């Protein structure tokens, strides 16, 4: 939902590659939700560290460090000596889709929501330790629609848990770590997609509008 070929790090981790760019109308940063928010605030993108398919939680003991609470992800937001003023954290959709059947970083595999909670808290702790002067904005999970698929009904309960449960964890972790919450779940209209979940250009605008309104 946040990747873009040519801007995401690592380069091979982008969902919006050349073909999907033209299918979705998401061609450049100005077409993404994060690009619209940055432009609205007169900001400058430092690093896009989103990785397609990644979770906050760790999937398995031998997983490459692409998960959100890893040391690698939480320390890769500076660039050429510049530190971020603001860090946008829009993660958790894949954790909800997988039922967070994963590890926070160590320990036994579990489907309990505490795994997601522990991993999200660990992620924020590391971000704050690595970037103590940065504001951190945590986004809850949004609801999608798909105008090209008349039969699509958003699955509020997925892999055994309601999406609101994950949003509650994000809100609680953000509050505990003194981070700002951008509540997509409560404040955004359903965003339009190309495949039920990945936003098209109009869907990106919906997400950006909701974020800007709350800011």
Protein backbone atom coordinates (compact mmCIF):
# COMPACT_ATOMS: atom_id res chain seq x y z
CA UNK A 1 0.00 0.00 0.00
CA UNK A 2 2.98 2.33 0.47
CA UNK A 3 5.60 1.02 -1.96
CA UNK A 4 6.55 2.54 -5.30
CA UNK A 5 9.13 1.27 -7.75
CA UNK A 6 12.09 3.61 -7.84
CA UNK A 7 11.44 4.94 -4.34
CA UNK A 8 11.07 1.93 -2.03
CA UNK A 9 14.06 0.39 -0.30
CA UNK A 10 15.05 -2.30 -1.11
CA UNK A 11 14.34 -1.86 -4.82
CA UNK A 12 12.82 -5.32 -5.30
CA UNK A 13 10.27 -4.85 -2.50
CA UNK A 14 7.74 -2.70 -4.38
CA UNK A 15 4.20 -3.83 -5.20
CA UNK A 16 3.71 -0.85 -7.51
CA UNK A 17 6.08 -1.95 -10.26
CA UNK A 18 5.92 -0.76 -13.88
CA UNK A 19 2.84 -2.80 -14.78
CA UNK A 20 0.89 -2.03 -11.62
CA UNK A 21 1.73 1.66 -11.84
CA UNK A 22 -0.26 2.01 -15.03
CA UNK A 23 -3.02 -0.33 -13.88
CA UNK A 24 -3.54 1.72 -10.74
CA UNK A 25 -2.68 5.22 -11.94
CA UNK A 26 -0.07 5.42 -9.17
CA UNK A 27 2.88 6.56 -11.26
CA UNK A 28 4.87 8.91 -9.04
CA UNK A 29 5.10 9.96 -5.38
CA UNK A 30 2.47 12.65 -5.95
CA UNK A 31 0.00 9.83 -6.70
CA UNK A 32 0.61 8.01 -3.40
CA UNK A 33 -1.07 8.71 -0.08
CA UNK A 34 2.26 9.44 1.57
CA UNK A 35 3.39 11.71 -1.26
CA UNK A 36 0.17 13.71 -1.02
CA UNK A 37 0.56 14.11 2.74
CA UNK A 38 4.20 15.18 2.42
CA UNK A 39 3.37 17.66 -0.36
CA UNK A 40 0.49 19.11 1.65
CA UNK A 41 2.84 19.80 4.57
CA UNK A 42 5.58 21.21 2.35
CA UNK A 43 7.86 18.36 3.32
CA UNK A 44 10.51 16.29 1.56
CA UNK A 45 10.68 12.50 1.35
CA UNK A 46 13.80 11.21 3.05
CA UNK A 47 13.35 7.42 2.89
CA UNK A 48 10.52 5.13 1.81
CA UNK A 49 11.28 1.99 3.80
CA UNK A 50 8.06 0.11 2.94
CA UNK A 51 8.34 -3.52 1.83
CA UNK A 52 5.49 -5.23 0.00
CA UNK A 53 3.97 -8.12 1.94
CA UNK A 54 5.82 -7.41 5.17
CA UNK A 55 4.34 -7.68 8.64
CA UNK A 56 5.15 -5.96 11.89
CA UNK A 57 5.59 -9.43 13.36
CA UNK A 58 8.23 -11.96 12.45
CA UNK A 59 6.87 -14.84 10.36
CA UNK A 60 9.50 -17.47 11.14
CA UNK A 61 12.88 -17.87 12.86
CA UNK A 62 14.78 -17.90 9.53
CA UNK A 63 12.94 -14.97 7.96
CA UNK A 64 14.99 -12.22 6.35
CA UNK A 65 14.81 -9.04 8.46
CA UNK A 66 11.95 -7.45 6.50
CA UNK A 67 9.51 -7.47 9.42
CA UNK A 68 8.64 -4.13 10.99
CA UNK A 69 10.09 -4.69 14.45
CA UNK A 70 13.49 -5.87 13.16
CA UNK A 71 16.66 -3.93 13.88
CA UNK A 72 17.18 -3.46 10.15
CA UNK A 73 13.78 -1.91 9.42
CA UNK A 74 13.80 0.36 12.46
CA UNK A 75 17.29 1.75 11.78
CA UNK A 76 17.02 2.44 8.04
CA UNK A 77 15.14 5.76 8.04
CA UNK A 78 18.04 8.21 7.85
CA UNK A 79 19.81 9.16 4.64
CA UNK A 80 23.26 10.60 4.07
CA UNK A 81 23.42 12.11 7.54
CA UNK A 82 19.87 13.51 7.47
CA UNK A 83 17.43 12.34 10.16
CA UNK A 84 13.65 12.27 9.71
CA UNK A 85 11.53 14.98 11.32
CA UNK A 86 8.47 12.74 11.00
CA UNK A 87 8.14 8.96 10.63
CA UNK A 88 4.91 7.63 9.10
CA UNK A 89 4.12 4.09 10.27
CA UNK A 90 1.38 2.47 8.19
CA UNK A 91 1.76 -1.22 9.04
CA UNK A 92 -0.41 -4.06 10.29
CA UNK A 93 -2.60 -4.94 7.30
CA UNK A 94 -0.63 -8.10 6.58
CA UNK A 95 -0.55 -9.03 10.27
CA UNK A 96 -4.36 -8.86 10.34
CA UNK A 97 -4.59 -10.85 7.10
CA UNK A 98 -2.35 -13.56 8.53
CA UNK A 99 -3.96 -13.53 11.96
CA UNK A 100 -0.57 -12.47 13.35
CA UNK A 101 0.43 -16.12 13.46
CA UNK A 102 4.04 -15.19 13.93
CA UNK A 103 6.72 -14.30 16.45
CA UNK A 104 7.31 -10.81 17.83
CA UNK A 105 11.03 -11.52 17.47
CA UNK A 106 11.62 -14.59 19.54
CA UNK A 107 9.55 -17.16 21.39
CA UNK A 108 6.86 -19.56 20.26
CA UNK A 109 4.55 -19.10 17.30
CA UNK A 110 1.10 -17.94 18.37
CA UNK A 111 -2.20 -16.66 17.00
CA UNK A 112 -2.85 -14.60 20.12
CA UNK A 113 -3.21 -10.86 19.50
CA UNK A 114 -0.51 -10.27 22.11
CA UNK A 115 2.05 -11.25 19.46
CA UNK A 116 1.03 -8.30 17.29
CA UNK A 117 0.89 -6.03 20.31
CA UNK A 118 4.38 -7.02 21.47
CA UNK A 119 5.82 -6.62 17.99
CA UNK A 120 4.20 -3.23 17.41
CA UNK A 121 5.40 -1.97 20.79
CA UNK A 122 8.92 -3.26 20.10
CA UNK A 123 8.91 -1.51 16.72
CA UNK A 124 7.98 1.85 18.27
CA UNK A 125 10.52 1.43 21.07
CA UNK A 126 13.30 0.90 18.53
CA UNK A 127 12.17 3.80 16.34
CA UNK A 128 12.17 6.14 19.32
CA UNK A 129 15.58 4.91 20.45
CA UNK A 130 17.08 5.33 16.97
CA UNK A 131 15.34 8.62 16.15
CA UNK A 132 14.62 10.35 19.47
CA UNK A 133 13.87 13.75 17.89
CA UNK A 134 11.39 12.41 15.30
CA UNK A 135 7.61 12.60 15.59
CA UNK A 136 6.06 9.20 14.95
CA UNK A 137 2.60 8.97 13.40
CA UNK A 138 0.89 5.57 13.60
CA UNK A 139 -1.90 4.79 11.14
CA UNK A 140 -4.75 2.42 11.96
CA UNK A 141 -5.91 -0.02 9.30
CA UNK A 142 -8.30 1.34 6.64
CA UNK A 143 -11.34 -0.24 5.00
CA UNK A 144 -11.27 -0.85 1.24
CA UNK A 145 -13.73 -1.16 -1.61
CA UNK A 146 -13.33 -2.10 -5.29
CA UNK A 147 -15.45 -0.39 -7.92
CA UNK A 148 -14.16 -2.80 -10.58
CA UNK A 149 -15.41 -5.81 -8.56
CA UNK A 150 -19.12 -5.44 -7.82
CA UNK A 151 -19.09 -8.62 -5.71
CA UNK A 152 -16.40 -7.48 -3.28
CA UNK A 153 -17.46 -7.13 0.34
CA UNK A 154 -14.84 -5.96 2.80
CA UNK A 155 -13.98 -8.82 5.22
CA UNK A 156 -13.97 -7.03 8.55
CA UNK A 157 -13.17 -10.34 10.23
CA UNK A 158 -10.18 -12.01 8.62
CA UNK A 159 -8.15 -15.00 9.79
CA UNK A 160 -10.36 -15.17 12.85
CA UNK A 161 -10.06 -11.60 14.14
CA UNK A 162 -11.88 -8.34 13.48
CA UNK A 163 -9.80 -5.55 11.95
CA UNK A 164 -10.90 -3.25 14.80
CA UNK A 165 -8.94 -5.41 17.25
CA UNK A 166 -5.72 -4.62 15.41
CA UNK A 167 -6.64 -0.94 15.27
CA UNK A 168 -7.11 -0.95 19.04
CA UNK A 169 -3.64 -2.41 19.49
CA UNK A 170 -2.14 0.30 17.28
CA UNK A 171 -3.95 3.05 19.21
CA UNK A 172 -2.86 1.62 22.57
CA UNK A 173 0.77 1.14 21.56
CA UNK A 174 0.95 4.64 20.07
CA UNK A 175 -0.52 6.18 23.21
CA UNK A 176 1.87 4.27 25.45
CA UNK A 177 4.85 5.48 23.40
CA UNK A 178 3.58 9.07 23.07
CA UNK A 179 3.12 8.78 19.30
CA UNK A 180 0.45 10.43 17.20
CA UNK A 181 -2.44 8.36 15.82
CA UNK A 182 -3.91 8.90 12.36
CA UNK A 183 -7.12 6.90 12.56
CA UNK A 184 -7.84 5.66 9.04
CA UNK A 185 -10.28 3.07 10.35
CA UNK A 186 -12.58 5.53 12.07
CA UNK A 187 -12.13 8.62 9.88
CA UNK A 188 -11.50 7.50 6.29
CA UNK A 189 -14.10 6.53 3.71
CA UNK A 190 -13.48 3.12 2.10
CA UNK A 191 -10.62 3.59 -0.36
CA UNK A 192 -10.89 2.28 -3.93
CA UNK A 193 -8.52 -0.46 -5.08
CA UNK A 194 -7.28 -2.41 -8.09
CA UNK A 195 -7.55 -5.82 -6.40
CA UNK A 196 -9.72 -5.38 -3.27
CA UNK A 197 -6.81 -4.14 -1.09
CA UNK A 198 -4.13 -2.19 -2.99
CA UNK A 199 -5.23 1.42 -3.65
CA UNK A 200 -5.62 2.95 -7.08
CA UNK A 201 -4.95 6.66 -7.58
CA UNK A 202 -8.43 7.57 -6.25
CA UNK A 203 -7.96 5.29 -3.25
CA UNK A 204 -4.65 6.94 -2.46
CA UNK A 205 -6.40 10.31 -2.51
CA UNK A 206 -9.03 9.03 -0.05
CA UNK A 207 -6.35 7.89 2.40
CA UNK A 208 -4.39 11.12 2.03
CA UNK A 209 -7.48 13.28 2.55
CA UNK A 210 -8.34 11.45 5.77
CA UNK A 211 -4.79 11.81 7.09
CA UNK A 212 -4.60 15.52 6.23
CA UNK A 213 -7.99 16.19 7.80
CA UNK A 214 -6.84 14.68 11.09
CA UNK A 215 -3.51 16.53 11.05
